[in-house]
Amino acid sequence: MSQFPETANKGLEGVIACTSEISTIHDVTLLYRGYTIEDLASHCSFEEVIYLLWNGSLPNQSQLIELQAALAKNIELPSEMIAILTQIAKTKAHPMSKLRTAVSYFGLLDASAEDISPEGIRSKGTQLTAAIGTLVAALSRLEQNQAVISPQPGRSLAWNFLNMARGKEPTKEEEKLFDTALVLHADHELNASAFTARVVSSTTSDYYSSITAALGSLKGPLHGGANEQVMMMLKEIGSYENVPPFIEDAVQAKKKVMGIGHRVYKNGDPRGKILKTLSLETCKKTGLEEFHRMLVTIEEQMLERKGLMPNVDFYSGLVYSALGIRPRDFTPIFAVSRISGWTAQVLEQYANNRIYRPRAIYTGPAPRQVTPIHQR
């Protein structure tokens, strides 16, 4: 009886939902506005990438200074937020649920929250992109009954986050490694959270609703939550010698190995390859070299046994662990980076909007009539 084909693409696999100039998976790499992720990771800061995603080109020196000044102006949280964060932190909720609630409340403090003009979205995007790292770091410290550390204007977003979350100034090497991780996670085509943000924006709802919805999508372990699961997997395995039996059991029982496989990349995630290389030296310095060795072996065996390769989550959790960040903060850190991409996606959606309204193949009962209740 359906007017549609008899089969559907589960998970919208292969379905083209929109056009976009922001990012794309191209051959074996990822492009932001035409630049390869390898090129950007090697030569650009996260702030430069933010500008690129929002404006379509890399900034010159004066444009970068202007953006850095705007971010510095907004990196400090409104005074009302600390009291709210203190209450949120006391709950036993998932850290992403806490961040989702904090961002939603952040929007309540914006008197112009309903402004969805391009200027309004850019202003809100700048405010939240600057503040979200401060939110995540504050929640992390409050959960651990530690004092909130204020950001230092004039420092990079990467430097500030590490300092606020750990209570220890990062070295130049640590700042660069974390900054690169932020660059790698900034945007990724029409992933689940980006699509969620665009769907909400397509209704001409407000910016904060779109970002809050995206956070809910990112929370899922099949999306942003996988990096924490990878570290849990390593601790479950315990040692390098236990890797072969773990893989054997996973293959025989058809268990999912976290961080392995990707819907689109078939030759490996280029972001994972970058983190694999960059993380080795830091792991050696912090006593996590065996974990790195374990991941390399899991990668090799899963490729041999299943033809599957790692995604970005496979090594990102190890990078964050080597930087002294606790696993509960891994997924919120994803949002610290991805807020830049979500903002770009929202801007693009509003610029050429049509509400998303797909159809479904109906598989329920054929048309029928109601039987009077005394005859049922």
Protein backbone atom coordinates (compact mmCIF):
# COMPACT_ATOMS: atom_id res chain seq x y z
CA MET A 1 0.00 0.00 0.00
CA SER A 2 3.04 2.29 0.39
CA GLN A 3 3.79 4.88 -2.30
CA PHE A 4 7.50 4.47 -1.46
CA PRO A 5 10.04 1.79 -2.43
CA GLU A 6 9.97 -1.45 -0.48
CA THR A 7 13.39 -0.83 1.09
CA ALA A 8 14.72 2.05 3.12
CA ASN A 9 18.25 3.21 3.82
CA LYS A 10 18.70 2.48 7.49
CA GLY A 11 20.33 5.37 9.28
CA LEU A 12 19.88 7.44 6.07
CA GLU A 13 23.03 5.77 4.74
CA GLY A 14 23.86 7.14 1.32
CA VAL A 15 20.97 9.63 1.41
CA ILE A 16 21.84 13.20 0.36
CA ALA A 17 20.04 15.57 2.74
CA CYS A 18 21.49 18.96 1.79
CA THR A 19 24.33 20.78 0.08
CA SER A 20 27.15 22.22 2.16
CA GLU A 21 30.35 24.19 1.65
CA ILE A 22 31.72 23.51 5.14
CA SER A 23 33.40 20.10 5.21
CA THR A 24 33.45 16.81 3.35
CA ILE A 25 35.10 13.42 3.34
CA HIS A 26 37.14 13.49 0.12
CA ASP A 27 38.92 10.34 -1.07
CA VAL A 28 40.95 9.27 1.97
CA THR A 29 40.94 12.54 3.89
CA LEU A 30 38.69 15.19 5.44
CA LEU A 31 38.41 18.71 4.04
CA TYR A 32 37.39 21.87 5.86
CA ARG A 33 36.47 24.47 3.22
CA GLY A 34 38.85 22.74 0.78
CA TYR A 35 41.83 22.34 3.12
CA THR A 36 42.91 18.83 4.11
CA ILE A 37 42.78 17.96 7.78
CA GLU A 38 46.46 17.02 7.63
CA ASP A 39 47.39 20.49 6.35
CA LEU A 40 45.25 22.27 8.93
CA ALA A 41 46.48 20.11 11.83
CA SER A 42 50.09 20.85 10.89
CA HIS A 43 49.83 24.57 10.27
CA CYS A 44 46.75 26.12 11.88
CA SER A 45 45.49 26.82 15.38
CA PHE A 46 41.97 25.99 16.53
CA GLU A 47 41.11 29.70 16.45
CA GLU A 48 42.16 29.89 12.80
CA VAL A 49 39.96 26.88 12.05
CA ILE A 50 36.99 28.50 13.81
CA TYR A 51 37.38 31.51 11.54
CA LEU A 52 37.69 29.24 8.50
CA LEU A 53 34.54 27.30 9.30
CA TRP A 54 32.47 30.43 9.92
CA ASN A 55 33.80 32.57 7.09
CA GLY A 56 34.99 30.26 4.33
CA SER A 57 38.62 31.37 4.31
CA LEU A 58 41.58 31.37 6.68
CA PRO A 59 42.09 34.64 8.56
CA ASN A 60 44.85 37.11 7.96
CA GLN A 61 46.72 38.42 11.01
CA SER A 62 44.32 41.27 11.80
CA GLN A 63 41.25 39.06 11.36
CA LEU A 64 42.71 36.43 13.69
CA ILE A 65 43.55 39.05 16.31
CA GLU A 66 39.98 40.37 16.10
CA LEU A 67 38.53 36.88 16.62
CA GLN A 68 40.92 36.12 19.47
CA ALA A 69 39.87 39.37 21.16
CA ALA A 70 36.18 38.51 20.78
CA LEU A 71 36.75 35.04 22.24
CA ALA A 72 38.79 36.47 25.11
CA LYS A 73 35.98 38.92 25.87
CA ASN A 74 33.51 36.04 26.26
CA ILE A 75 35.59 33.29 27.86
CA GLU A 76 34.67 34.32 31.41
CA LEU A 77 31.33 32.89 32.56
CA PRO A 78 28.50 35.16 33.66
CA SER A 79 28.40 35.30 37.47
CA GLU A 80 24.98 33.67 37.51
CA MET A 81 26.37 30.56 35.83
CA ILE A 82 28.69 29.53 38.68
CA ALA A 83 25.80 29.08 41.10
CA ILE A 84 23.87 27.08 38.51
CA LEU A 85 26.91 24.93 37.69
CA THR A 86 27.40 24.20 41.37
CA GLN A 87 23.88 22.79 41.56
CA ILE A 88 24.20 20.87 38.29
CA ALA A 89 27.51 19.35 39.37
CA LYS A 90 25.92 17.88 42.51
CA THR A 91 23.63 15.62 40.48
CA LYS A 92 24.60 12.08 39.51
CA ALA A 93 23.77 12.69 35.85
CA HIS A 94 26.00 11.90 32.88
CA PRO A 95 28.52 14.74 32.27
CA MET A 96 26.99 15.39 28.85
CA SER A 97 23.57 15.77 30.46
CA LYS A 98 25.07 18.32 32.81
CA LEU A 99 26.67 20.20 29.93
CA ARG A 100 23.44 20.11 27.95
CA THR A 101 21.58 21.67 30.88
CA ALA A 102 24.32 24.26 31.42
CA VAL A 103 24.25 25.34 27.77
CA SER A 104 20.47 25.55 27.83
CA TYR A 105 20.64 27.79 30.90
CA PHE A 106 23.40 29.82 29.27
CA GLY A 107 20.85 30.64 26.57
CA LEU A 108 18.36 31.85 29.17
CA LEU A 109 20.81 34.58 30.14
CA ASP A 110 20.90 35.92 26.57
CA ALA A 111 18.30 38.67 26.19
CA SER A 112 18.52 38.32 22.40
CA ALA A 113 18.28 34.52 22.36
CA GLU A 114 15.57 34.53 19.66
CA ASP A 115 17.67 36.53 17.20
CA ILE A 116 18.49 34.18 14.34
CA SER A 117 19.92 36.78 11.98
CA PRO A 118 23.40 35.98 10.66
CA GLU A 119 24.84 38.64 12.95
CA GLY A 120 22.90 37.26 15.90
CA ILE A 121 24.06 33.69 15.30
CA ARG A 122 27.69 34.80 14.90
CA SER A 123 27.49 36.75 18.15
CA LYS A 124 25.99 33.81 20.05
CA GLY A 125 28.42 31.39 18.40
CA THR A 126 31.34 33.52 19.53
CA GLN A 127 30.01 33.72 23.08
CA LEU A 128 29.36 30.01 23.42
CA THR A 129 32.50 28.86 21.59
CA ALA A 130 34.53 30.97 24.00
CA ALA A 131 32.61 29.88 27.10
CA ILE A 132 31.96 26.18 26.54
CA GLY A 133 35.49 25.13 27.53
CA THR A 134 35.09 27.16 30.72
CA LEU A 135 31.75 25.42 31.35
CA VAL A 136 33.24 21.95 30.90
CA ALA A 137 36.28 22.69 33.06
CA ALA A 138 34.15 24.24 35.80
CA LEU A 139 31.76 21.29 35.91
CA SER A 140 34.69 18.88 36.03
CA ARG A 141 36.30 20.63 38.99
CA LEU A 142 33.03 21.10 40.85
CA GLU A 143 32.29 17.38 40.49
CA GLN A 144 35.63 16.72 42.19
CA ASN A 145 34.95 19.28 44.95
CA GLN A 146 37.68 21.54 43.61
CA ALA A 147 37.63 25.30 43.20
CA VAL A 148 36.73 26.69 39.79
CA ILE A 149 39.71 28.25 38.00
CA SER A 150 39.13 31.41 36.00
CA PRO A 151 40.36 31.65 32.41
CA GLN A 152 43.25 33.89 31.46
CA PRO A 153 42.45 36.23 28.56
CA GLY A 154 45.27 36.36 26.04
CA ARG A 155 45.86 32.62 26.14
CA SER A 156 44.54 30.18 23.55
CA LEU A 157 41.36 28.20 24.07
CA ALA A 158 43.49 25.04 24.28
CA TRP A 159 45.85 26.50 26.91
CA ASN A 160 42.96 27.82 28.98
CA PHE A 161 41.04 24.57 28.99
CA LEU A 162 43.99 22.49 30.14
CA ASN A 163 44.84 25.02 32.84
CA MET A 164 41.25 25.33 34.07
CA ALA A 165 40.52 21.59 34.02
CA ARG A 166 43.78 20.37 35.56
CA GLY A 167 44.83 23.29 37.71
CA LYS A 168 48.23 23.13 36.04
CA GLU A 169 49.61 25.25 33.24
CA PRO A 170 50.25 23.19 30.10
CA THR A 171 53.61 23.01 28.43
CA LYS A 172 53.91 24.26 24.87
CA GLU A 173 53.89 20.63 23.70
CA GLU A 174 50.72 19.84 25.66
CA GLU A 175 49.00 22.98 24.40
CA LYS A 176 49.89 22.11 20.80
CA LEU A 177 48.69 18.50 21.15
CA PHE A 178 45.36 19.53 22.64
CA ASP A 179 44.95 22.36 20.12
CA THR A 180 45.49 19.83 17.32
CA ALA A 181 42.84 17.56 18.85
CA LEU A 182 40.41 20.51 18.80
CA VAL A 183 41.21 21.14 15.13
CA LEU A 184 40.59 17.49 14.25
CA HIS A 185 37.19 17.40 15.97
CA ALA A 186 35.86 20.78 14.79
CA ASP A 187 33.55 19.54 12.03
CA HIS A 188 32.84 16.34 10.17
CA GLU A 189 30.37 16.67 7.37
CA LEU A 190 26.75 15.70 8.13
CA ASN A 191 27.37 13.58 11.24
CA ALA A 192 24.56 12.82 13.69
CA SER A 193 24.97 15.90 15.90
CA ALA A 194 25.50 18.29 12.97
CA PHE A 195 22.38 16.91 11.30
CA THR A 196 20.48 17.26 14.57
CA ALA A 197 21.52 20.90 14.82
CA ARG A 198 20.43 21.53 11.23
CA VAL A 199 17.06 19.83 11.69
CA VAL A 200 16.26 22.01 14.70
CA SER A 201 17.51 25.13 12.90
CA SER A 202 15.36 24.26 9.89
CA THR A 203 12.29 24.93 12.03
CA THR A 204 13.71 28.46 12.61
CA SER A 205 14.09 27.68 16.28
CA ASP A 206 16.77 29.57 18.24
CA TYR A 207 20.51 28.91 18.23
CA TYR A 208 20.63 27.52 21.76
CA SER A 209 17.90 24.98 20.99
CA SER A 210 19.94 23.74 18.03
CA ILE A 211 23.13 23.43 20.10
CA THR A 212 21.36 21.80 23.04
CA ALA A 213 19.84 19.23 20.69
CA ALA A 214 23.25 18.61 19.12
CA LEU A 215 24.72 17.98 22.57
CA GLY A 216 22.04 15.36 23.22
CA SER A 217 23.00 13.64 19.98
CA LEU A 218 26.73 13.82 20.71
CA LYS A 219 26.20 12.18 24.09
CA GLY A 220 25.52 8.79 22.52
CA PRO A 221 28.30 6.18 22.68
CA LEU A 222 27.89 5.53 18.95
CA HIS A 223 28.84 9.17 18.33
CA GLY A 224 30.83 11.30 20.77
CA GLY A 225 30.88 8.89 23.69
CA ALA A 226 33.09 6.28 22.04
CA ASN A 227 36.45 7.72 23.18
CA GLU A 228 35.59 7.18 26.84
CA GLN A 229 34.48 3.65 25.98
CA VAL A 230 37.85 2.95 24.35
CA MET A 231 39.69 3.78 27.58
CA MET A 232 37.27 1.59 29.53
CA MET A 233 38.01 -1.21 27.06
CA LEU A 234 41.76 -0.85 27.60
CA LYS A 235 41.36 -1.03 31.36
CA GLU A 236 39.15 -4.10 30.95
CA ILE A 237 41.81 -5.82 28.81
CA GLY A 238 44.40 -4.97 31.42
CA SER A 239 47.68 -5.70 29.66
CA TYR A 240 49.25 -6.17 26.27
CA GLU A 241 49.33 -9.96 26.69
CA ASN A 242 45.53 -10.02 27.01
CA VAL A 243 44.89 -8.31 23.67
CA PRO A 244 44.85 -11.48 21.44
CA PRO A 245 42.29 -13.38 23.56
CA PHE A 246 40.18 -10.22 23.86
CA ILE A 247 40.08 -9.82 20.07
CA GLU A 248 39.39 -13.52 19.59
CA ASP A 249 36.45 -13.36 21.95
CA ALA A 250 35.14 -10.15 20.34
CA VAL A 251 35.32 -11.63 16.84
CA GLN A 252 33.74 -14.96 17.79
CA ALA A 253 30.97 -13.34 19.84
CA LYS A 254 30.50 -10.54 17.28
CA LYS A 255 31.05 -7.91 19.95
CA LYS A 256 31.64 -4.31 18.96
CA VAL A 257 35.19 -3.11 19.55
CA MET A 258 34.88 0.55 20.50
CA GLY A 259 36.61 3.04 18.23
CA ILE A 260 36.85 0.59 15.34
CA GLY A 261 34.98 1.13 12.07
CA HIS A 262 33.33 4.10 10.42
CA ARG A 263 30.21 4.47 8.30
CA VAL A 264 31.99 6.49 5.60
CA TYR A 265 35.76 5.99 5.89
CA LYS A 266 36.73 2.63 4.42
CA ASN A 267 40.49 3.20 4.34
CA GLY A 268 40.81 4.53 7.86
CA ASP A 269 40.00 7.83 9.55
CA PRO A 270 42.73 10.39 8.77
CA ARG A 271 42.12 12.09 12.11
CA GLY A 272 42.85 8.84 13.94
CA LYS A 273 46.09 8.42 12.01
CA ILE A 274 47.23 11.90 13.07
CA LEU A 275 46.42 11.26 16.74
CA LYS A 276 48.10 7.85 16.61
CA THR A 277 51.35 9.48 15.56
CA LEU A 278 51.15 12.55 17.80
CA SER A 279 50.19 10.65 20.94
CA LEU A 280 53.15 8.26 21.05
CA GLU A 281 55.74 10.63 22.53
CA THR A 282 53.29 11.98 25.11
CA CYS A 283 52.32 8.43 26.09
CA LYS A 284 56.00 7.57 26.59
CA LYS A 285 56.45 10.57 28.90
CA THR A 286 53.33 9.80 30.95
CA GLY A 287 53.64 6.02 31.38
CA LEU A 288 50.90 5.16 28.92
CA GLU A 289 53.11 3.61 26.25
CA GLU A 290 51.67 0.12 26.89
CA PHE A 291 48.15 1.44 26.25
CA HIS A 292 49.37 2.91 22.96
CA ARG A 293 50.97 -0.43 22.09
CA MET A 294 47.72 -2.21 22.93
CA LEU A 295 45.73 0.08 20.65
CA VAL A 296 48.16 -0.43 17.77
CA THR A 297 47.81 -4.21 18.15
CA ILE A 298 44.01 -4.03 18.35
CA GLU A 299 44.07 -1.90 15.20
CA GLU A 300 46.27 -4.42 13.35
CA GLN A 301 44.23 -7.43 14.42
CA MET A 302 40.85 -5.87 13.62
CA LEU A 303 42.12 -4.96 10.17
CA GLU A 304 43.38 -8.50 9.63
CA ARG A 305 40.34 -10.27 11.11
CA LYS A 306 37.48 -7.98 10.08
CA GLY A 307 38.86 -5.52 7.54
CA LEU A 308 37.95 -2.65 9.87
CA MET A 309 40.07 0.37 10.77
CA PRO A 310 40.01 2.90 13.64
CA ASN A 311 38.04 6.12 13.76
CA VAL A 312 39.07 9.31 15.56
CA ASP A 313 37.74 8.07 18.92
CA PHE A 314 40.19 5.16 18.98
CA TYR A 315 43.19 7.32 19.88
CA SER A 316 41.60 10.56 21.16
CA GLY A 317 40.80 9.16 24.60
CA LEU A 318 44.43 8.07 24.99
CA VAL A 319 45.58 11.57 24.01
CA TYR A 320 43.35 13.12 26.67
CA SER A 321 44.50 10.60 29.28
CA ALA A 322 48.13 11.40 28.49
CA LEU A 323 47.29 15.08 29.00
CA GLY A 324 45.98 14.32 32.47
CA ILE A 325 42.28 14.65 31.70
CA ARG A 326 39.86 12.27 33.38
CA PRO A 327 37.68 10.00 31.16
CA ARG A 328 34.39 11.59 32.30
CA ASP A 329 35.42 14.76 30.49
CA PHE A 330 36.27 13.15 27.14
CA THR A 331 32.88 13.55 25.49
CA PRO A 332 32.31 17.10 26.79
CA ILE A 333 35.72 17.98 25.29
CA PHE A 334 34.36 16.79 21.94
CA ALA A 335 31.72 19.51 22.30
CA VAL A 336 34.38 22.12 23.17
CA SER A 337 35.68 21.60 19.64
CA ARG A 338 32.51 20.70 17.73
CA ILE A 339 30.66 23.84 18.83
CA SER A 340 32.62 25.60 16.06
CA GLY A 341 31.31 23.21 13.43
CA TRP A 342 27.75 23.22 14.79
CA THR A 343 27.73 27.01 14.60
CA ALA A 344 28.90 26.88 10.98
CA GLN A 345 26.21 24.30 10.17
CA VAL A 346 23.49 26.42 11.81
CA LEU A 347 24.63 29.53 9.93
CA GLU A 348 24.53 27.63 6.64
CA GLN A 349 21.12 26.10 7.38
CA TYR A 350 19.51 29.45 8.15
CA ALA A 351 21.06 30.99 5.03
CA ASN A 352 19.23 28.63 2.66
CA ASN A 353 16.53 27.11 4.79
CA ARG A 354 13.83 24.58 4.13
CA ILE A 355 12.36 22.60 7.01
CA TYR A 356 13.43 18.95 7.08
CA ARG A 357 10.41 16.70 6.57
CA PRO A 358 11.37 13.22 5.32
CA ARG A 359 8.88 10.40 4.90
CA ALA A 360 8.89 6.87 6.28
CA ILE A 361 8.00 3.56 4.66
CA TYR A 362 4.88 2.47 6.52
CA THR A 363 5.02 -1.18 7.64
CA GLY A 364 1.99 -1.20 9.92
CA PRO A 365 -1.46 -2.79 9.40
CA ALA A 366 -3.44 -2.20 6.21
CA PRO A 367 -6.41 0.22 6.44
CA ARG A 368 -9.06 -1.15 8.82
CA GLN A 369 -12.18 -0.03 10.64
CA VAL A 370 -12.84 0.38 14.35
CA THR A 371 -14.90 -2.44 15.88
CA PRO A 372 -17.39 -1.20 18.51
CA ILE A 373 -15.98 -1.78 21.98
CA HIS A 374 -18.63 -4.36 22.96
CA GLN A 375 -17.66 -6.50 19.94
CA ARG A 376 -13.89 -6.54 20.53
